[in-house]
Amino acid sequence: MRIALGADHAGYALKEHLRGHLKAEGHEVEDFGTHSEASTDYPDYAREVGRAVAEGTAERGILVCGSGTGMAIAANKVPGVRAANCFDPFTSHMARAHNDINILAVAGRILAPEFAEEVVKEFLQTPFEGDRHQRRLDKIHALEPSGVC
């Protein structure tokens, strides 16, 4: 799978861990940064990963900041993005199965690297259930402005 990856300074260490893990699992990873622990602004990375997913150059995206919250909020401003901040495999599974999320946001200051791998695994392997959930996604899509920012 083609995965767009991004983090701010608070998520840098976990991003680096996940990048190596994803590559070892055979995924193609495009790393949008950051590339150090120097202070950065998370919306910049959320925008780039969001664009890659919305435009189809990546199938899925993963964003990491301190709590995951800021990344999810910023990514959801990009039309076509459905991002969720997930803290465990269950919420990751349900966000994919019911909400068809295409970007996972995780907390670099909260999740242990091995536990984050399990959250990512559920995000990547869980299919969207469709059916009644598609009707809801259609209503969400109708709320979006057209075009990609």
N, C-alpha and C. Protein backbone atom coordinates (compact mmCIF):
# COMPACT_ATOMS: atom_id res chain seq x y z
N MET A 1 0.85 -1.17 0.00
CA MET A 1 0.00 0.00 0.00
C MET A 1 0.90 1.25 0.00
N ARG A 2 0.46 2.30 -0.68
CA ARG A 2 1.17 3.58 -0.69
C ARG A 2 0.65 4.42 0.49
N ILE A 3 1.55 4.77 1.39
CA ILE A 3 1.17 5.47 2.61
C ILE A 3 1.93 6.79 2.71
N ALA A 4 1.18 7.88 2.92
CA ALA A 4 1.78 9.18 3.18
C ALA A 4 1.94 9.32 4.70
N LEU A 5 3.11 9.77 5.11
CA LEU A 5 3.44 9.84 6.53
C LEU A 5 3.92 11.23 6.88
N GLY A 6 3.46 11.75 8.01
CA GLY A 6 3.91 13.07 8.44
C GLY A 6 3.82 13.22 9.94
N ALA A 7 4.65 14.11 10.47
CA ALA A 7 4.65 14.36 11.91
C ALA A 7 5.22 15.75 12.19
N ASP A 8 4.88 16.27 13.35
CA ASP A 8 5.56 17.46 13.84
C ASP A 8 6.68 16.99 14.78
N HIS A 9 7.30 17.93 15.46
CA HIS A 9 8.42 17.59 16.34
C HIS A 9 8.03 16.62 17.45
N ALA A 10 6.81 16.76 17.98
CA ALA A 10 6.37 15.88 19.07
C ALA A 10 6.10 14.46 18.59
N GLY A 11 5.86 14.31 17.32
CA GLY A 11 5.59 12.99 16.76
C GLY A 11 6.75 12.40 15.99
N TYR A 12 7.85 13.14 15.91
CA TYR A 12 8.98 12.72 15.08
C TYR A 12 9.49 11.31 15.42
N ALA A 13 9.75 11.04 16.68
CA ALA A 13 10.32 9.73 17.06
C ALA A 13 9.37 8.59 16.70
N LEU A 14 8.08 8.75 16.97
CA LEU A 14 7.14 7.68 16.63
C LEU A 14 6.99 7.56 15.12
N LYS A 15 7.01 8.68 14.41
CA LYS A 15 6.95 8.62 12.93
C LYS A 15 8.11 7.81 12.39
N GLU A 16 9.29 8.08 12.89
CA GLU A 16 10.47 7.34 12.43
C GLU A 16 10.33 5.85 12.69
N HIS A 17 9.82 5.51 13.86
CA HIS A 17 9.60 4.09 14.19
C HIS A 17 8.59 3.47 13.22
N LEU A 18 7.48 4.16 13.02
CA LEU A 18 6.43 3.64 12.13
C LEU A 18 6.90 3.55 10.69
N ARG A 19 7.71 4.50 10.25
CA ARG A 19 8.23 4.46 8.88
C ARG A 19 9.02 3.18 8.66
N GLY A 20 9.90 2.86 9.58
CA GLY A 20 10.68 1.64 9.47
C GLY A 20 9.81 0.40 9.52
N HIS A 21 8.84 0.41 10.40
CA HIS A 21 7.91 -0.73 10.53
C HIS A 21 7.10 -0.92 9.25
N LEU A 22 6.57 0.17 8.71
CA LEU A 22 5.76 0.08 7.49
C LEU A 22 6.58 -0.44 6.31
N LYS A 23 7.79 0.05 6.17
CA LYS A 23 8.66 -0.42 5.09
C LYS A 23 8.98 -1.90 5.27
N ALA A 24 9.23 -2.32 6.49
CA ALA A 24 9.51 -3.72 6.76
C ALA A 24 8.32 -4.62 6.42
N GLU A 25 7.13 -4.05 6.53
CA GLU A 25 5.90 -4.77 6.19
C GLU A 25 5.62 -4.74 4.69
N GLY A 26 6.46 -4.07 3.91
CA GLY A 26 6.32 -4.05 2.47
C GLY A 26 5.55 -2.90 1.89
N HIS A 27 5.23 -1.91 2.70
CA HIS A 27 4.49 -0.75 2.21
C HIS A 27 5.43 0.27 1.59
N GLU A 28 4.91 1.02 0.63
CA GLU A 28 5.64 2.14 0.03
C GLU A 28 5.29 3.38 0.84
N VAL A 29 6.29 4.02 1.41
CA VAL A 29 6.06 5.15 2.32
C VAL A 29 6.65 6.42 1.74
N GLU A 30 5.81 7.47 1.68
CA GLU A 30 6.31 8.80 1.33
C GLU A 30 6.31 9.62 2.61
N ASP A 31 7.47 10.02 3.04
CA ASP A 31 7.66 10.74 4.29
C ASP A 31 7.67 12.24 4.02
N PHE A 32 6.64 12.93 4.49
CA PHE A 32 6.52 14.37 4.30
C PHE A 32 7.18 15.18 5.41
N GLY A 33 7.85 14.50 6.34
CA GLY A 33 8.55 15.19 7.42
C GLY A 33 7.68 15.25 8.66
N THR A 34 8.18 15.87 9.63
CA THR A 34 9.40 16.57 9.82
C THR A 34 10.56 15.59 9.92
N HIS A 35 11.76 16.11 9.83
CA HIS A 35 12.94 15.25 9.82
C HIS A 35 13.86 15.50 11.01
N SER A 36 13.31 16.09 12.07
CA SER A 36 14.07 16.30 13.30
C SER A 36 13.09 16.64 14.42
N GLU A 37 13.63 16.84 15.61
CA GLU A 37 12.80 17.22 16.75
C GLU A 37 12.74 18.73 16.95
N ALA A 38 13.22 19.50 15.97
CA ALA A 38 13.11 20.96 16.05
C ALA A 38 11.64 21.35 15.93
N SER A 39 11.24 22.36 16.67
CA SER A 39 9.85 22.79 16.71
C SER A 39 9.31 23.12 15.31
N THR A 40 8.13 22.58 15.01
CA THR A 40 7.46 22.81 13.73
C THR A 40 5.98 23.01 13.97
N ASP A 41 5.25 23.30 12.92
CA ASP A 41 3.80 23.51 13.00
C ASP A 41 3.06 22.34 12.33
N TYR A 42 2.30 21.60 13.13
CA TYR A 42 1.64 20.39 12.62
C TYR A 42 0.69 20.61 11.45
N PRO A 43 0.02 21.77 11.30
CA PRO A 43 -0.87 21.90 10.14
C PRO A 43 -0.16 21.78 8.80
N ASP A 44 1.12 22.14 8.75
CA ASP A 44 1.87 22.04 7.49
C ASP A 44 1.96 20.59 7.02
N TYR A 45 2.19 19.68 7.94
CA TYR A 45 2.33 18.26 7.60
C TYR A 45 0.96 17.62 7.36
N ALA A 46 -0.04 18.05 8.11
CA ALA A 46 -1.39 17.54 7.90
C ALA A 46 -1.89 17.92 6.51
N ARG A 47 -1.58 19.15 6.07
CA ARG A 47 -1.99 19.60 4.73
C ARG A 47 -1.33 18.74 3.65
N GLU A 48 -0.04 18.50 3.76
CA GLU A 48 0.66 17.73 2.72
C GLU A 48 0.21 16.28 2.66
N VAL A 49 0.07 15.66 3.80
CA VAL A 49 -0.41 14.27 3.82
C VAL A 49 -1.87 14.23 3.35
N GLY A 50 -2.67 15.19 3.79
CA GLY A 50 -4.07 15.25 3.36
C GLY A 50 -4.20 15.40 1.86
N ARG A 51 -3.39 16.26 1.27
CA ARG A 51 -3.41 16.43 -0.19
C ARG A 51 -3.02 15.15 -0.90
N ALA A 52 -1.99 14.48 -0.42
CA ALA A 52 -1.56 13.23 -1.07
C ALA A 52 -2.67 12.19 -1.07
N VAL A 53 -3.39 12.10 0.03
CA VAL A 53 -4.48 11.12 0.12
C VAL A 53 -5.67 11.58 -0.73
N ALA A 54 -6.06 12.84 -0.61
CA ALA A 54 -7.21 13.35 -1.36
C ALA A 54 -6.99 13.30 -2.87
N GLU A 55 -5.75 13.55 -3.29
CA GLU A 55 -5.44 13.53 -4.73
C GLU A 55 -5.11 12.14 -5.25
N GLY A 56 -5.02 11.16 -4.36
CA GLY A 56 -4.81 9.78 -4.78
C GLY A 56 -3.37 9.36 -5.02
N THR A 57 -2.40 10.19 -4.66
CA THR A 57 -1.01 9.76 -4.79
C THR A 57 -0.62 8.83 -3.65
N ALA A 58 -1.42 8.81 -2.59
CA ALA A 58 -1.26 7.85 -1.50
C ALA A 58 -2.63 7.24 -1.23
N GLU A 59 -2.63 5.97 -0.88
CA GLU A 59 -3.89 5.29 -0.57
C GLU A 59 -4.39 5.63 0.83
N ARG A 60 -3.45 5.78 1.75
CA ARG A 60 -3.78 6.12 3.13
C ARG A 60 -2.72 7.07 3.67
N GLY A 61 -3.04 7.71 4.79
CA GLY A 61 -2.10 8.59 5.44
C GLY A 61 -2.04 8.32 6.93
N ILE A 62 -0.88 8.58 7.50
CA ILE A 62 -0.68 8.47 8.95
C ILE A 62 0.01 9.74 9.40
N LEU A 63 -0.55 10.37 10.43
CA LEU A 63 -0.02 11.60 11.00
C LEU A 63 0.25 11.41 12.48
N VAL A 64 1.35 12.01 12.95
CA VAL A 64 1.72 11.89 14.35
C VAL A 64 2.05 13.26 14.92
N CYS A 65 1.40 13.62 16.01
CA CYS A 65 1.78 14.79 16.78
C CYS A 65 1.74 14.37 18.24
N GLY A 66 1.85 15.30 19.16
CA GLY A 66 1.89 14.94 20.57
C GLY A 66 0.68 14.16 21.02
N SER A 67 -0.50 14.66 20.71
CA SER A 67 -1.75 14.01 21.14
C SER A 67 -2.51 13.36 19.99
N GLY A 68 -2.19 13.71 18.76
CA GLY A 68 -2.94 13.24 17.59
C GLY A 68 -4.12 14.15 17.25
N THR A 69 -4.55 14.94 18.20
CA THR A 69 -5.74 15.76 18.01
C THR A 69 -5.54 16.87 16.99
N GLY A 70 -4.48 17.64 17.13
CA GLY A 70 -4.24 18.74 16.19
C GLY A 70 -4.10 18.26 14.77
N MET A 71 -3.40 17.16 14.58
CA MET A 71 -3.23 16.59 13.23
C MET A 71 -4.58 16.20 12.64
N ALA A 72 -5.42 15.54 13.43
CA ALA A 72 -6.73 15.12 12.93
C ALA A 72 -7.58 16.32 12.54
N ILE A 73 -7.58 17.34 13.38
CA ILE A 73 -8.37 18.54 13.09
C ILE A 73 -7.88 19.19 11.80
N ALA A 74 -6.57 19.37 11.68
CA ALA A 74 -6.02 20.03 10.50
C ALA A 74 -6.24 19.20 9.24
N ALA A 75 -6.02 17.91 9.31
CA ALA A 75 -6.19 17.05 8.13
C ALA A 75 -7.64 17.06 7.65
N ASN A 76 -8.58 17.13 8.57
CA ASN A 76 -9.99 17.11 8.18
C ASN A 76 -10.44 18.39 7.48
N LYS A 77 -9.59 19.39 7.42
CA LYS A 77 -9.90 20.61 6.66
C LYS A 77 -9.66 20.41 5.17
N VAL A 78 -8.95 19.36 4.80
CA VAL A 78 -8.68 19.06 3.38
C VAL A 78 -9.86 18.28 2.82
N PRO A 79 -10.56 18.80 1.83
CA PRO A 79 -11.70 18.07 1.26
C PRO A 79 -11.28 16.67 0.79
N GLY A 80 -12.12 15.71 1.14
CA GLY A 80 -11.84 14.32 0.77
C GLY A 80 -11.13 13.53 1.85
N VAL A 81 -10.68 14.21 2.88
CA VAL A 81 -10.00 13.53 3.98
C VAL A 81 -11.01 13.18 5.07
N ARG A 82 -10.86 11.98 5.58
CA ARG A 82 -11.59 11.53 6.76
C ARG A 82 -10.53 11.02 7.74
N ALA A 83 -10.13 11.88 8.65
CA ALA A 83 -9.08 11.55 9.61
C ALA A 83 -9.69 11.33 10.99
N ALA A 84 -9.10 10.38 11.71
CA ALA A 84 -9.52 10.13 13.09
C ALA A 84 -8.30 9.93 13.96
N ASN A 85 -8.41 10.44 15.17
CA ASN A 85 -7.38 10.27 16.19
C ASN A 85 -7.73 9.00 16.96
N CYS A 86 -6.91 7.97 16.80
CA CYS A 86 -7.19 6.68 17.44
C CYS A 86 -6.11 6.34 18.45
N PHE A 87 -6.54 5.83 19.59
CA PHE A 87 -5.63 5.52 20.69
C PHE A 87 -5.45 4.04 20.95
N ASP A 88 -6.21 3.20 20.27
CA ASP A 88 -6.09 1.77 20.49
C ASP A 88 -6.59 1.03 19.25
N PRO A 89 -6.31 -0.27 19.16
CA PRO A 89 -6.74 -1.02 17.97
C PRO A 89 -8.26 -1.00 17.75
N PHE A 90 -9.05 -1.00 18.83
CA PHE A 90 -10.51 -1.00 18.68
C PHE A 90 -11.00 0.27 17.99
N THR A 91 -10.54 1.44 18.46
CA THR A 91 -11.02 2.68 17.84
C THR A 91 -10.51 2.80 16.41
N SER A 92 -9.33 2.28 16.15
CA SER A 92 -8.81 2.29 14.78
C SER A 92 -9.66 1.39 13.88
N HIS A 93 -9.99 0.21 14.38
CA HIS A 93 -10.82 -0.73 13.63
C HIS A 93 -12.19 -0.11 13.32
N MET A 94 -12.83 0.46 14.34
CA MET A 94 -14.16 1.02 14.16
C MET A 94 -14.15 2.24 13.24
N ALA A 95 -13.10 3.05 13.32
CA ALA A 95 -13.01 4.24 12.46
C ALA A 95 -12.90 3.82 10.99
N ARG A 96 -12.22 2.73 10.71
CA ARG A 96 -12.14 2.21 9.34
C ARG A 96 -13.46 1.55 8.93
N ALA A 97 -13.95 0.66 9.78
CA ALA A 97 -15.13 -0.13 9.43
C ALA A 97 -16.38 0.73 9.26
N HIS A 98 -16.56 1.72 10.10
CA HIS A 98 -17.78 2.52 10.06
C HIS A 98 -17.62 3.88 9.40
N ASN A 99 -16.43 4.46 9.46
CA ASN A 99 -16.24 5.82 8.94
C ASN A 99 -15.32 5.90 7.74
N ASP A 100 -14.77 4.76 7.32
CA ASP A 100 -13.89 4.69 6.16
C ASP A 100 -12.79 5.75 6.22
N ILE A 101 -12.17 5.89 7.40
CA ILE A 101 -11.11 6.90 7.50
C ILE A 101 -10.00 6.57 6.52
N ASN A 102 -9.42 7.62 5.97
CA ASN A 102 -8.29 7.43 5.06
C ASN A 102 -7.00 8.01 5.64
N ILE A 103 -7.10 8.67 6.78
CA ILE A 103 -5.92 9.14 7.51
C ILE A 103 -6.09 8.81 8.98
N LEU A 104 -5.05 8.20 9.53
CA LEU A 104 -5.00 7.87 10.95
C LEU A 104 -4.08 8.88 11.64
N ALA A 105 -4.56 9.48 12.72
CA ALA A 105 -3.74 10.36 13.55
C ALA A 105 -3.46 9.63 14.85
N VAL A 106 -2.19 9.64 15.26
CA VAL A 106 -1.82 8.99 16.51
C VAL A 106 -0.99 9.92 17.38
N ALA A 107 -0.92 9.59 18.67
CA ALA A 107 -0.29 10.43 19.68
C ALA A 107 1.13 9.98 19.96
N GLY A 108 2.07 10.77 19.52
CA GLY A 108 3.47 10.45 19.73
C GLY A 108 3.91 10.53 21.18
N ARG A 109 3.22 11.31 21.97
CA ARG A 109 3.60 11.46 23.38
C ARG A 109 2.81 10.53 24.29
N ILE A 110 1.94 9.71 23.72
CA ILE A 110 1.10 8.84 24.53
C ILE A 110 1.31 7.36 24.20
N LEU A 111 1.37 7.03 22.92
CA LEU A 111 1.43 5.63 22.52
C LEU A 111 2.86 5.09 22.46
N ALA A 112 3.06 3.93 23.05
CA ALA A 112 4.33 3.23 22.92
C ALA A 112 4.46 2.75 21.48
N PRO A 113 5.67 2.73 20.94
CA PRO A 113 5.85 2.35 19.53
C PRO A 113 5.21 1.00 19.14
N GLU A 114 5.38 -0.01 19.95
CA GLU A 114 4.83 -1.33 19.62
C GLU A 114 3.30 -1.31 19.65
N PHE A 115 2.73 -0.54 20.59
CA PHE A 115 1.29 -0.42 20.66
C PHE A 115 0.77 0.37 19.45
N ALA A 116 1.49 1.40 19.06
CA ALA A 116 1.11 2.18 17.87
C ALA A 116 1.11 1.29 16.63
N GLU A 117 2.02 0.34 16.54
CA GLU A 117 2.03 -0.61 15.42
C GLU A 117 0.71 -1.36 15.33
N GLU A 118 0.14 -1.74 16.47
CA GLU A 118 -1.14 -2.45 16.49
C GLU A 118 -2.28 -1.54 16.03
N VAL A 119 -2.23 -0.28 16.42
CA VAL A 119 -3.25 0.69 15.98
C VAL A 119 -3.16 0.86 14.47
N VAL A 120 -1.95 0.98 13.95
CA VAL A 120 -1.73 1.12 12.51
C VAL A 120 -2.17 -0.14 11.77
N LYS A 121 -1.88 -1.29 12.32
CA LYS A 121 -2.28 -2.56 11.69
C LYS A 121 -3.79 -2.61 11.46
N GLU A 122 -4.56 -2.23 12.47
CA GLU A 122 -6.02 -2.22 12.32
C GLU A 122 -6.46 -1.22 11.26
N PHE A 123 -5.81 -0.07 11.24
CA PHE A 123 -6.12 0.95 10.24
C PHE A 123 -5.89 0.43 8.82
N LEU A 124 -4.82 -0.28 8.63
CA LEU A 124 -4.46 -0.75 7.29
C LEU A 124 -5.21 -1.99 6.84
N GLN A 125 -5.58 -2.86 7.76
CA GLN A 125 -6.19 -4.12 7.35
C GLN A 125 -7.71 -4.16 7.42
N THR A 126 -8.33 -3.20 8.10
CA THR A 126 -9.78 -3.24 8.28
C THR A 126 -10.49 -2.65 7.06
N PRO A 127 -11.40 -3.42 6.46
CA PRO A 127 -12.17 -2.87 5.33
C PRO A 127 -13.35 -2.03 5.82
N PHE A 128 -13.80 -1.14 4.96
CA PHE A 128 -15.01 -0.36 5.22
C PHE A 128 -16.21 -1.28 5.04
N GLU A 129 -17.15 -1.24 5.98
CA GLU A 129 -18.32 -2.12 5.93
C GLU A 129 -19.39 -1.66 4.95
N GLY A 130 -19.37 -0.39 4.55
CA GLY A 130 -20.37 0.11 3.61
C GLY A 130 -21.76 0.08 4.21
N ASP A 131 -22.73 -0.33 3.39
CA ASP A 131 -24.12 -0.48 3.82
C ASP A 131 -24.63 0.81 4.47
N ARG A 132 -25.17 0.74 5.66
CA ARG A 132 -25.75 1.92 6.31
C ARG A 132 -24.71 3.01 6.56
N HIS A 133 -23.45 2.62 6.68
CA HIS A 133 -22.39 3.59 6.93
C HIS A 133 -22.12 4.45 5.69
N GLN A 134 -22.33 3.91 4.51
CA GLN A 134 -22.13 4.68 3.29
C GLN A 134 -23.10 5.86 3.22
N ARG A 135 -24.32 5.64 3.63
CA ARG A 135 -25.31 6.72 3.65
C ARG A 135 -24.82 7.88 4.50
N ARG A 136 -24.22 7.58 5.62
CA ARG A 136 -23.69 8.60 6.53
C ARG A 136 -22.49 9.31 5.93
N LEU A 137 -21.63 8.56 5.28
CA LEU A 137 -20.48 9.17 4.62
C LEU A 137 -20.91 10.10 3.50
N ASP A 138 -21.95 9.70 2.79
CA ASP A 138 -22.47 10.57 1.72
C ASP A 138 -22.93 11.90 2.30
N LYS A 139 -23.53 11.88 3.47
CA LYS A 139 -23.99 13.11 4.12
C LYS A 139 -22.79 13.96 4.58
N ILE A 140 -21.75 13.31 5.06
CA ILE A 140 -20.54 14.04 5.43
C ILE A 140 -19.91 14.69 4.20
N HIS A 141 -19.83 13.91 3.12
CA HIS A 141 -19.25 14.44 1.88
C HIS A 141 -20.02 15.66 1.39
N ALA A 142 -21.32 15.65 1.55
CA ALA A 142 -22.16 16.78 1.10
C ALA A 142 -21.85 18.06 1.90
N LEU A 143 -21.25 17.94 3.07
CA LEU A 143 -20.89 19.10 3.88
C LEU A 143 -19.60 19.76 3.42
N GLU A 144 -18.81 19.06 2.60
CA GLU A 144 -17.49 19.56 2.19
C GLU A 144 -17.57 20.56 1.05
N PRO A 145 -16.71 21.56 1.09
CA PRO A 145 -16.58 22.42 -0.09
C PRO A 145 -15.87 21.61 -1.19
N SER A 146 -16.08 21.98 -2.43
CA SER A 146 -15.44 21.23 -3.50
C SER A 146 -13.99 21.68 -3.66
N GLY A 147 -13.17 20.80 -4.19
CA GLY A 147 -11.77 21.13 -4.44
C GLY A 147 -10.86 20.79 -3.28
N VAL A 148 -9.60 20.77 -3.56
CA VAL A 148 -8.59 20.48 -2.53
C VAL A 148 -7.84 21.77 -2.23
N CYS A 149 -7.66 22.07 -0.94
CA CYS A 149 -7.00 23.31 -0.55
C CYS A 149 -5.51 23.26 -0.82
